[in-house]
Amino acid sequence: MDGLEIAVPIMLVFFSSIVIITFITARHRERMAMVQKGLSSDEIKAFFTREIRRDPYSALKWGLLCVSVGIAIVVGNFLHEYYHTNEGVIIGLVCMFAGCALLVYYAIASKRGMVP
């Protein structure tokens, strides 16, 4: 067995442990600083609870994006097969179609009052 085969899993566990310990320590220090500043436990809980705002049109956004990227790939492959264009054209088409899909989403969402 090579030393590298043993070292990689050991280093993975070691560095993962370091990241977890650092995260826990930083969170503890942050909370202790809040307690020292005089915040109550209810205020600390309110500070760490996050309100998740749901976008009712998020499925529309992702649907438009996925469909447009799929169409861009099909069009790019068609152009590459029949007109012998460069394969890099597909990347440009994907970016262009994705941008158009997001503009369409913006237009729909702004008409419905979802975009400020």
Protein backbone atom coordinates (compact mmCIF):
# COMPACT_ATOMS: atom_id res chain seq x y z
CA MET A 1 0.00 0.00 0.00
CA ASP A 2 1.17 3.44 -0.88
CA GLY A 3 1.34 6.09 1.83
CA LEU A 4 -0.89 8.35 -0.22
CA GLU A 5 -3.74 5.84 -0.11
CA ILE A 6 -3.71 6.01 3.67
CA ALA A 7 -3.03 9.74 3.97
CA VAL A 8 -5.96 10.92 1.87
CA PRO A 9 -8.75 9.50 4.10
CA ILE A 10 -6.89 10.58 7.23
CA MET A 11 -6.49 14.13 5.91
CA LEU A 12 -10.15 14.19 4.84
CA VAL A 13 -11.31 13.30 8.34
CA PHE A 14 -8.81 15.71 9.89
CA PHE A 15 -9.77 18.72 7.80
CA SER A 16 -13.48 17.97 8.06
CA SER A 17 -13.10 17.92 11.85
CA ILE A 18 -11.23 21.23 11.76
CA VAL A 19 -14.02 22.86 9.74
CA ILE A 20 -16.74 21.56 12.06
CA ILE A 21 -14.88 22.62 15.21
CA THR A 22 -14.19 26.08 13.77
CA PHE A 23 -17.86 26.52 12.86
CA ILE A 24 -19.07 25.50 16.32
CA THR A 25 -16.49 27.69 18.06
CA ALA A 26 -17.34 30.73 15.94
CA ARG A 27 -21.05 30.28 16.58
CA HIS A 28 -20.43 29.98 20.32
CA ARG A 29 -18.27 33.12 20.36
CA GLU A 30 -20.91 35.04 18.44
CA ARG A 31 -23.63 34.06 20.89
CA MET A 32 -21.45 34.83 23.89
CA ALA A 33 -20.77 38.30 22.46
CA MET A 34 -24.52 38.85 22.16
CA VAL A 35 -25.03 37.79 25.77
CA GLN A 36 -22.27 40.16 26.90
CA LYS A 37 -23.97 43.03 25.08
CA GLY A 38 -27.10 42.39 27.11
CA LEU A 39 -29.43 40.70 24.65
CA SER A 40 -32.02 38.37 26.13
CA SER A 41 -32.45 34.80 25.01
CA ASP A 42 -35.64 35.69 23.12
CA GLU A 43 -33.82 38.42 21.21
CA ILE A 44 -31.01 36.02 20.35
CA LYS A 45 -33.50 33.41 19.12
CA ALA A 46 -35.26 36.05 17.03
CA PHE A 47 -31.91 37.10 15.58
CA PHE A 48 -31.08 33.57 14.44
CA THR A 49 -34.51 32.59 13.12
CA ARG A 50 -34.79 33.31 9.45
CA GLU A 51 -37.97 34.02 7.64
CA ILE A 52 -38.08 32.18 4.36
CA ARG A 53 -40.05 34.07 1.79
CA ARG A 54 -41.55 31.80 -0.81
CA ASP A 55 -41.69 32.94 -4.39
CA PRO A 56 -44.83 31.52 -5.98
CA TYR A 57 -43.27 31.90 -9.41
CA SER A 58 -40.01 30.08 -8.69
CA ALA A 59 -41.24 26.96 -10.53
CA LEU A 60 -42.03 29.16 -13.53
CA LYS A 61 -38.54 30.65 -13.45
CA TRP A 62 -36.77 27.29 -13.26
CA GLY A 63 -39.12 25.75 -15.84
CA LEU A 64 -38.47 28.54 -18.34
CA LEU A 65 -34.74 28.31 -17.69
CA CYS A 66 -34.54 24.53 -18.15
CA VAL A 67 -36.71 24.50 -21.27
CA SER A 68 -34.76 27.33 -22.88
CA VAL A 69 -31.40 25.71 -22.11
CA GLY A 70 -32.68 22.44 -23.58
CA ILE A 71 -33.85 24.21 -26.73
CA ALA A 72 -30.49 25.98 -26.99
CA ILE A 73 -28.62 22.67 -26.82
CA VAL A 74 -30.88 21.12 -29.48
CA VAL A 75 -30.47 24.13 -31.78
CA GLY A 76 -26.71 24.16 -31.19
CA ASN A 77 -26.39 20.47 -32.03
CA PHE A 78 -28.54 20.97 -35.13
CA LEU A 79 -26.31 23.83 -36.31
CA HIS A 80 -23.20 21.79 -35.61
CA GLU A 81 -24.47 18.73 -37.51
CA TYR A 82 -25.97 20.36 -40.60
CA TYR A 83 -24.03 23.60 -40.94
CA HIS A 84 -20.72 22.46 -39.39
CA THR A 85 -20.52 25.37 -37.00
CA ASN A 86 -18.05 25.47 -34.16
CA GLU A 87 -19.07 23.63 -30.99
CA GLY A 88 -18.50 26.83 -29.03
CA VAL A 89 -21.69 28.17 -30.55
CA ILE A 90 -23.65 25.95 -28.17
CA ILE A 91 -22.27 27.80 -25.14
CA GLY A 92 -23.29 31.12 -26.62
CA LEU A 93 -26.75 29.82 -27.45
CA VAL A 94 -27.22 28.45 -23.93
CA CYS A 95 -26.28 31.81 -22.41
CA MET A 96 -28.49 33.71 -24.84
CA PHE A 97 -31.54 31.47 -24.40
CA ALA A 98 -31.12 31.41 -20.61
CA GLY A 99 -30.95 35.20 -20.55
CA CYS A 100 -34.07 35.45 -22.69
CA ALA A 101 -35.89 33.01 -20.40
CA LEU A 102 -35.01 35.11 -17.36
CA LEU A 103 -36.23 38.25 -19.15
CA VAL A 104 -39.52 36.51 -19.96
CA TYR A 105 -39.80 35.47 -16.31
CA TYR A 106 -39.15 39.05 -15.21
CA ALA A 107 -41.84 40.34 -17.57
CA ILE A 108 -44.39 37.82 -16.27
CA ALA A 109 -43.53 38.35 -12.61
CA SER A 110 -43.55 42.15 -12.89
CA LYS A 111 -47.03 42.08 -14.46
CA ARG A 112 -48.22 39.99 -11.51
CA GLY A 113 -46.62 42.38 -9.01
CA MET A 114 -44.00 39.95 -7.71
CA VAL A 115 -40.95 41.99 -8.74
CA PRO A 116 -40.44 45.41 -7.11
